[in-house]
Protein backbone atom coordinates (compact mmCIF):
# COMPACT_ATOMS: atom_id res chain seq x y z
CA MET A 1 177.20 72.82 129.42
CA LYS A 2 173.87 73.03 127.65
CA ASN A 3 172.21 74.51 130.75
CA LYS A 4 174.77 77.28 130.90
CA TRP A 5 174.27 78.06 127.26
CA PHE A 6 170.49 78.16 127.68
CA LYS A 7 170.72 80.43 130.69
CA GLY A 8 172.90 82.81 128.73
CA ILE A 9 170.67 83.05 125.66
CA PHE A 10 167.28 83.20 127.46
CA PRO A 11 167.46 86.88 128.58
CA VAL A 12 168.43 87.91 125.06
CA VAL A 13 165.42 86.10 123.62
CA ILE A 14 163.09 87.74 126.15
CA LEU A 15 164.42 91.20 125.29
CA ALA A 16 164.02 90.55 121.61
CA ILE A 17 160.42 89.40 122.04
CA GLY A 18 159.59 92.43 124.19
CA PHE A 19 161.15 94.83 121.73
CA GLY A 20 159.31 93.24 118.87
CA GLY A 21 155.98 93.43 120.73
CA MET A 22 156.46 97.12 121.52
CA THR A 23 157.36 97.84 117.94
CA ALA A 24 154.24 96.01 116.73
CA ILE A 25 151.99 97.90 119.19
CA LYS A 26 153.45 101.27 118.18
CA ALA A 27 153.07 100.46 114.51
CA SER A 28 149.46 99.40 115.08
CA GLY A 29 148.69 102.65 116.96
CA GLU A 30 150.22 104.77 114.19
CA GLU A 31 148.26 102.80 111.62
CA ASP A 32 144.97 103.39 113.56
CA GLU A 33 145.71 107.10 113.80
CA GLU A 34 146.31 107.25 110.08
CA LYS A 35 143.07 105.37 109.38
CA LYS A 36 140.84 107.48 111.74
CA PRO A 37 141.78 111.18 111.68
CA VAL A 38 139.93 113.42 114.20
CA ASP A 39 137.18 115.62 112.57
CA THR A 40 137.08 118.97 114.39
CA ARG A 41 134.40 120.55 112.23
CA PRO A 42 131.30 121.65 114.20
CA THR A 43 128.08 119.79 113.46
CA VAL A 44 125.09 121.73 112.13
CA LYS A 45 121.58 121.04 110.92
CA ILE A 46 120.24 122.38 107.65
CA GLU A 47 116.97 123.09 105.90
CA THR A 48 116.14 123.98 102.32
CA ALA A 49 114.48 127.33 101.59
CA ILE A 50 111.64 127.37 99.06
CA ALA A 51 109.74 130.53 98.11
CA GLU A 52 105.97 130.36 97.96
CA ASP A 53 102.96 132.67 98.09
CA TYR A 54 101.82 133.57 101.59
CA GLN A 55 98.55 135.17 102.68
CA VAL A 56 99.06 137.66 105.47
CA ARG A 57 96.87 137.32 108.56
CA ILE A 58 95.80 140.61 110.14
CA THR A 59 95.04 140.45 113.87
CA SER A 60 93.93 143.09 116.34
CA TYR A 61 91.86 143.48 119.49
CA GLY A 62 88.69 145.27 120.47
CA GLU A 63 85.59 145.28 122.67
CA VAL A 64 82.22 143.83 121.70
CA LYS A 65 79.58 146.58 121.70
CA PRO A 66 75.92 146.74 120.65
CA LEU A 67 75.11 147.96 117.16
CA GLU A 68 72.66 150.41 118.72
CA SER A 69 71.10 151.29 122.05
CA THR A 70 67.73 152.85 122.78
CA MET A 71 66.47 154.90 125.71
CA VAL A 72 62.87 153.75 126.22
CA SER A 73 60.53 156.67 126.83
CA ALA A 74 56.82 157.05 127.47
CA GLN A 75 55.21 158.78 124.50
CA ILE A 76 51.99 159.51 126.38
CA SER A 77 51.23 160.29 130.01
CA GLY A 78 49.36 157.88 132.23
CA GLU A 79 49.40 155.16 134.83
CA VAL A 80 51.47 152.00 134.22
CA LEU A 81 49.19 148.97 134.14
CA SER A 82 51.70 146.14 133.50
CA TRP A 83 55.21 145.33 132.28
CA HIS A 84 56.89 142.34 130.65
CA PRO A 85 58.48 139.88 133.10
CA ASN A 86 61.74 140.07 131.11
CA PHE A 87 61.72 143.87 131.18
CA VAL A 88 64.32 143.81 133.95
CA PRO A 89 68.08 144.45 133.87
CA GLY A 90 69.70 141.47 132.14
CA GLY A 91 66.44 140.27 130.61
CA LEU A 92 66.13 139.38 126.94
CA VAL A 93 63.09 140.51 124.95
CA LEU A 94 62.20 139.83 121.33
CA ARG A 95 61.24 142.26 118.62
CA GLY A 96 57.56 143.17 119.07
CA ASP A 97 57.27 142.05 122.71
CA THR A 98 55.17 144.41 124.85
CA LEU A 99 57.49 146.06 127.37
CA PHE A 100 54.79 147.87 129.38
CA THR A 101 51.27 149.27 129.01
CA ILE A 102 49.68 152.56 130.07
CA GLU A 103 46.05 153.14 131.09
CA LEU A 104 44.15 154.30 127.97
CA VAL A 105 40.65 155.40 129.06
CA THR A 106 41.35 159.07 128.34
CA TYR A 107 42.89 158.29 124.96
CA GLU A 108 40.07 155.93 123.97
CA ALA A 109 37.59 158.73 124.69
CA ALA A 110 39.67 161.13 122.61
CA PHE A 111 39.67 158.61 119.77
CA LEU A 112 35.87 158.29 119.88
CA GLN A 113 35.53 162.08 119.89
CA ALA A 114 37.85 162.31 116.87
CA GLU A 115 35.76 159.71 115.04
CA ALA A 116 32.59 161.70 115.79
CA ASP A 117 34.19 164.93 114.58
CA LEU A 118 35.21 163.23 111.34
CA SER A 119 31.69 161.91 110.76
CA LEU A 120 30.24 165.38 111.36
CA ALA A 121 32.75 166.97 109.00
CA LYS A 122 31.93 164.45 106.29
CA ALA A 123 28.21 165.14 106.72
CA ASN A 124 28.80 168.87 106.35
CA LEU A 125 30.82 168.21 103.22
CA ILE A 126 28.02 166.14 101.69
CA GLU A 127 25.53 168.92 102.47
CA GLU A 128 27.73 171.57 100.88
CA GLN A 129 28.25 169.38 97.79
CA ALA A 130 24.45 169.14 97.40
CA ARG A 131 24.01 172.92 97.74
CA ALA A 132 26.75 173.52 95.19
CA GLU A 133 25.03 171.23 92.70
CA VAL A 134 21.70 173.11 93.16
CA ALA A 135 23.41 176.45 92.65
CA GLU A 136 25.11 175.21 89.47
CA ARG A 137 21.77 173.99 88.02
CA GLU A 138 20.09 177.30 88.84
CA ALA A 139 22.83 179.27 87.11
CA LYS A 140 22.23 177.33 83.86
CA GLY A 141 25.43 178.55 82.29
CA SER A 142 25.00 182.14 83.38
CA LYS A 143 28.03 184.05 84.50
CA VAL A 144 27.89 183.97 88.32
CA SER A 145 30.39 184.36 91.13
CA ASP A 146 32.21 181.57 92.98
CA LEU A 147 30.34 182.61 96.09
CA TYR A 148 27.03 181.95 94.34
CA LEU A 149 28.33 178.48 93.33
CA ARG A 150 29.30 177.94 97.01
CA LYS A 151 32.92 177.12 96.18
CA PRO A 152 34.30 178.76 99.37
CA GLN A 153 31.86 176.75 101.48
CA MET A 154 32.98 173.56 99.70
CA LEU A 155 36.64 174.28 100.41
CA SER A 156 35.83 174.98 104.05
CA ALA A 157 33.91 171.71 104.38
CA GLN A 158 36.75 169.76 102.75
CA ALA A 159 39.25 171.38 105.13
CA SER A 160 37.10 170.41 108.09
CA VAL A 161 37.16 166.78 106.94
CA LYS A 162 40.97 166.78 106.63
CA SER A 163 41.31 168.41 110.03
CA ALA A 164 39.08 165.77 111.59
CA GLN A 165 41.08 163.02 109.87
CA ALA A 166 44.30 164.46 111.32
CA ARG A 167 42.83 164.54 114.84
CA LEU A 168 41.71 160.94 114.41
CA LYS A 169 45.23 159.88 113.40
CA ILE A 170 46.68 161.59 116.45
CA ALA A 171 44.14 159.89 118.68
CA GLN A 172 44.95 156.54 117.07
CA ARG A 173 48.67 157.13 117.57
CA ASP A 174 48.11 157.95 121.25
CA LEU A 175 46.18 154.70 121.63
CA ASP A 176 48.97 152.76 119.97
CA ASN A 177 51.59 154.45 122.14
CA GLY A 178 49.86 153.15 125.25
CA VAL A 179 51.41 149.75 124.45
CA ILE A 180 55.21 150.11 124.24
CA LYS A 181 56.86 147.32 122.26
CA ALA A 182 60.49 146.25 121.82
CA PRO A 183 61.87 147.73 118.56
CA TYR A 184 64.26 144.78 118.12
CA ASP A 185 65.63 141.72 119.92
CA ALA A 186 67.13 143.39 122.93
CA LEU A 187 69.04 143.06 126.16
CA VAL A 188 67.42 145.13 128.91
CA VAL A 189 70.07 147.31 130.55
CA SER A 190 67.82 149.21 132.95
CA ARG A 191 64.15 149.75 133.87
CA ASP A 192 62.70 152.59 135.95
CA LEU A 193 58.95 152.05 136.35
CA GLY A 194 56.44 149.92 138.21
CA VAL A 195 52.78 149.04 138.17
CA GLY A 196 50.64 151.97 139.34
CA GLN A 197 53.38 154.52 138.65
CA TYR A 198 52.32 157.61 136.72
CA VAL A 199 54.70 158.43 133.90
CA ASN A 200 54.87 161.68 131.98
CA LYS A 201 55.18 162.00 128.25
CA GLY A 202 58.86 161.86 127.26
CA ALA A 203 60.04 160.37 130.57
CA GLN A 204 62.87 157.84 130.14
CA VAL A 205 61.92 154.56 131.78
CA GLY A 206 64.59 152.10 130.55
CA GLU A 207 67.46 151.31 128.21
CA LEU A 208 67.82 148.55 125.61
CA TYR A 209 70.79 147.14 123.69
CA ASN A 210 70.22 145.66 120.25
CA ILE A 211 71.28 142.00 120.27
CA GLU A 212 70.39 141.28 116.66
CA SER A 213 73.87 142.53 115.77
CA ALA A 214 77.03 143.55 117.60
CA GLU A 215 80.12 145.40 116.47
CA VAL A 216 83.78 145.43 117.37
CA SER A 217 85.90 148.48 116.62
CA PHE A 218 89.58 147.54 116.42
CA PRO A 219 92.73 149.50 115.52
CA ILE A 220 94.99 148.82 112.55
CA ALA A 221 98.60 149.91 112.98
CA GLY A 222 100.54 151.56 110.18
CA PHE A 223 102.70 148.48 109.55
CA ASP A 224 99.52 146.42 109.07
CA ARG A 225 97.65 148.94 106.94
CA GLU A 226 99.72 148.30 103.81
CA PHE A 227 98.85 144.60 104.01
CA LEU A 228 95.08 145.11 104.07
CA PRO A 229 93.15 143.66 101.10
CA SER A 230 92.10 146.17 98.47
CA ASP A 231 88.42 145.70 99.41
CA ILE A 232 87.85 145.04 103.10
CA THR A 233 84.05 145.16 103.09
CA GLN A 234 82.37 141.82 103.68
CA GLN A 235 85.75 140.28 104.53
CA VAL A 236 85.11 137.26 106.77
CA ALA A 237 86.73 137.63 110.18
CA THR A 238 87.13 135.34 113.18
CA ILE A 239 86.31 136.72 116.62
CA SER A 240 87.67 134.82 119.60
CA THR A 241 88.14 135.21 123.33
CA LYS A 242 90.98 133.94 125.48
CA GLY A 243 90.76 131.83 128.59
CA TYR A 244 89.86 128.35 129.78
CA ASN A 245 86.69 128.17 127.66
CA PRO A 246 87.44 130.33 124.60
CA ILE A 247 84.58 131.50 122.40
CA ASN A 248 84.99 131.50 118.63
CA ARG A 249 82.52 133.29 116.38
CA GLU A 250 82.46 134.56 112.82
CA GLY A 251 81.76 138.08 111.60
CA LYS A 252 82.31 140.39 108.65
CA VAL A 253 84.33 143.55 108.26
CA VAL A 254 81.73 146.15 107.30
CA ARG A 255 83.52 149.49 107.15
CA ASP A 256 86.56 151.64 107.78
CA LEU A 257 85.96 154.68 109.98
CA GLY A 258 88.06 156.63 107.49
CA ILE A 259 90.20 158.51 110.03
CA ILE A 260 93.82 158.01 111.09
CA ASP A 261 94.36 158.94 114.71
CA GLN A 262 96.78 161.86 115.03
CA SER A 263 98.51 160.54 118.15
CA THR A 264 98.71 156.79 117.46
CA ARG A 265 98.69 156.90 113.61
CA MET A 266 96.22 154.02 113.69
CA SER A 267 93.03 153.63 111.71
CA GLN A 268 89.87 151.88 112.89
CA LEU A 269 87.92 149.06 111.26
CA ILE A 270 84.50 147.72 112.26
CA VAL A 271 83.52 144.04 112.24
CA ARG A 272 79.89 143.00 112.73
CA ILE A 273 78.64 139.82 114.42
CA GLU A 274 75.09 138.66 113.80
CA ASP A 275 73.01 137.28 116.69
CA PRO A 276 75.80 137.66 119.29
CA TYR A 277 73.61 136.29 122.12
CA SER A 278 72.70 133.20 120.03
CA LEU A 279 68.93 133.54 120.31
CA LYS A 280 68.57 131.87 116.91
CA SER A 281 71.45 129.40 117.03
CA SER A 282 73.32 127.00 119.30
CA LEU A 283 76.60 128.94 119.09
CA PRO A 284 78.18 130.18 122.33
CA PRO A 285 76.93 133.70 123.19
CA LEU A 286 79.36 136.56 122.80
CA LYS A 287 78.35 139.12 125.40
CA PHE A 288 78.81 142.86 125.23
CA GLY A 289 81.99 143.96 126.94
CA HIS A 290 84.02 140.91 125.92
CA TYR A 291 87.56 141.81 124.88
CA VAL A 292 88.23 139.77 121.75
CA GLU A 293 90.86 139.06 119.13
CA VAL A 294 89.82 139.80 115.56
CA GLY A 295 91.61 138.11 112.67
CA PHE A 296 91.06 138.15 108.92
CA ALA A 297 92.96 137.48 105.71
CA GLY A 298 95.12 140.26 104.29
CA LYS A 299 97.05 140.54 101.04
CA THR A 300 98.76 137.56 99.42
CA LEU A 301 102.53 138.06 99.19
CA ASN A 302 104.29 136.39 96.28
CA ASN A 303 107.66 134.61 96.46
CA VAL A 304 108.47 135.12 100.12
CA TYR A 305 110.25 132.91 102.67
CA ARG A 306 108.86 132.23 106.14
CA LEU A 307 111.71 131.75 108.62
CA PRO A 308 111.75 131.34 112.40
CA GLN A 309 112.97 134.52 114.04
CA GLU A 310 115.84 132.73 115.81
CA LEU A 311 117.48 132.13 112.43
CA VAL A 312 117.71 135.87 111.73
CA ASN A 313 120.11 138.01 113.73
CA ASN A 314 120.46 141.68 112.77
CA ARG A 315 118.98 140.81 109.36
CA ILE A 316 121.71 138.18 108.83
CA ILE A 317 121.14 134.49 108.16
CA TRP A 318 123.75 131.75 107.55
CA LEU A 319 123.86 129.61 104.43
CA LEU A 320 125.88 126.52 103.59
CA ASP A 321 127.72 126.61 100.25
CA ASP A 322 128.73 123.70 98.01
CA GLU A 323 132.03 123.30 99.88
CA GLN A 324 130.31 122.81 103.23
CA GLN A 325 131.35 126.29 104.35
CA MET A 326 129.13 128.74 106.21
CA GLN A 327 128.40 132.08 104.53
CA PRO A 328 126.50 135.04 106.07
CA GLN A 329 123.68 136.53 104.00
CA ARG A 330 121.80 139.81 104.58
CA VAL A 331 118.04 139.60 104.03
CA GLU A 332 115.13 142.04 103.83
CA ILE A 333 112.37 141.43 106.39
CA LEU A 334 109.02 142.23 104.84
CA ARG A 335 106.85 141.47 107.86
CA GLU A 336 106.88 139.84 111.29
CA GLU A 337 104.16 137.26 111.96
CA GLY A 338 104.21 135.65 115.37
CA ALA A 339 107.48 133.73 115.80
CA TYR A 340 108.36 134.09 112.11
CA PHE A 341 109.79 136.62 109.69
CA LEU A 342 108.62 136.96 106.08
CA ILE A 343 111.72 137.45 103.93
CA SER A 344 111.34 139.19 100.58
CA GLU A 345 114.97 139.57 99.43
CA GLY A 346 118.35 137.96 100.11
CA LEU A 347 117.35 134.31 99.64
CA GLN A 348 117.15 132.14 96.55
CA ASN A 349 115.21 128.96 95.94
CA GLN A 350 117.05 125.86 97.16
CA ASP A 351 119.46 127.85 99.33
CA THR A 352 120.68 125.71 102.23
CA LEU A 353 119.94 127.32 105.57
CA VAL A 354 122.00 126.56 108.66
CA THR A 355 119.44 126.13 111.43
CA THR A 356 121.75 125.25 114.34
CA LEU A 357 124.72 127.60 114.51
CA PRO A 358 128.11 126.88 116.10
CA GLU A 359 128.97 128.87 119.20
CA TYR A 360 131.10 131.32 117.22
CA PRO A 361 130.00 131.22 113.57
CA GLN A 362 132.46 132.70 111.08
CA LYS A 363 132.44 133.32 107.37
CA GLY A 364 133.98 130.38 105.53
CA MET A 365 133.83 128.08 108.55
CA LYS A 366 133.74 124.44 107.47
CA VAL A 367 131.03 122.36 109.09
CA LYS A 368 129.52 118.94 108.81
CA VAL A 369 125.83 118.14 108.53
CA ALA A 370 124.32 116.07 111.33
CA LYS A 371 122.83 112.76 110.24
CA PRO A 372 122.15 113.28 106.55
CA GLN A 373 118.44 113.06 105.93
CA GLU A 374 115.77 114.33 103.61
CA ASP A 375 115.86 118.14 103.66
CA LEU A 376 113.10 119.90 105.53
CA VAL A 377 111.33 122.60 103.56
CA VAL A 378 111.03 126.11 104.96
CA ASN A 379 108.11 127.94 103.39
CA LYS A 380 105.49 130.43 104.20
CA SER A 381 102.61 128.08 104.88
CA LEU A 382 101.86 126.41 108.19
């Protein structure tokens, strides 16, 4: 009897337990859903904008050229006796080095003749001075003519002395010009003479480039011109080359050419580099013809924001308000510098910038900030 009763009640108990378990599981799932709601807000990163002063950097490009070049000419005629071993294309010569010499026998003879003529003229002058003194004593205060006092003869003798002195100077100059010296530290570009060659007066026999100083002429575009410092002269500039072994040198802006090109609307500035071939230093030489980048400090801009260009789209940036909502903001771009924009208007100190935008950003969109951390500061300095 008991077994029949147990068999009858057992299925009911099993059903009750199963129903109760399902109810408990369902209740637990609903409770979990209520405790952990799904957050569908997109995740963004933020940075804090802070305005600071920023010094503009002006950059341009140009070619290194010599400050001056000289065509070497023979100033007297004659046979070439010798020339400097470095007086060859590519050679370097120092200021005062003898480039070549010309045979001087004829000019030495002319110098001796000029010296003799000067001595003779001086002797004639002394003789005339003595005769004039005798004539003046004989006159004893009497009224006599200038001819009697030998004044014309004195003037003639004095003129002869000056003429002889002039011829002597010319002869000395011709002697000096027989030894041609380098006018400055120079790079020899060309040479057109040899030992035994006869050169005529005025014949061009070589070309030199001054390596004591070099210059780079570089253009300044209109959008850069307004950011130039008020006084550009003596502004320190960096001159650098590109490539595997870049060269970095220092120079100074020395002048503005003062003309704006009619076609390009660009002006030209000149920067000077001292000792470009490093004859007096251990710096790397900066050879003529190098194409270089020139950079120097421009104006200092006050209260600007330096933002990466990817944050600005059609002059619009996105800010995060106090309610964690995105808001578009139009800004004024003052200048582009590399991968950054300098913003002058549209931002306020401590504005929160959204630096990683959702796929489809919208005004008023609620977002959440990824991994709260100390705000990064966006400013104008590197």
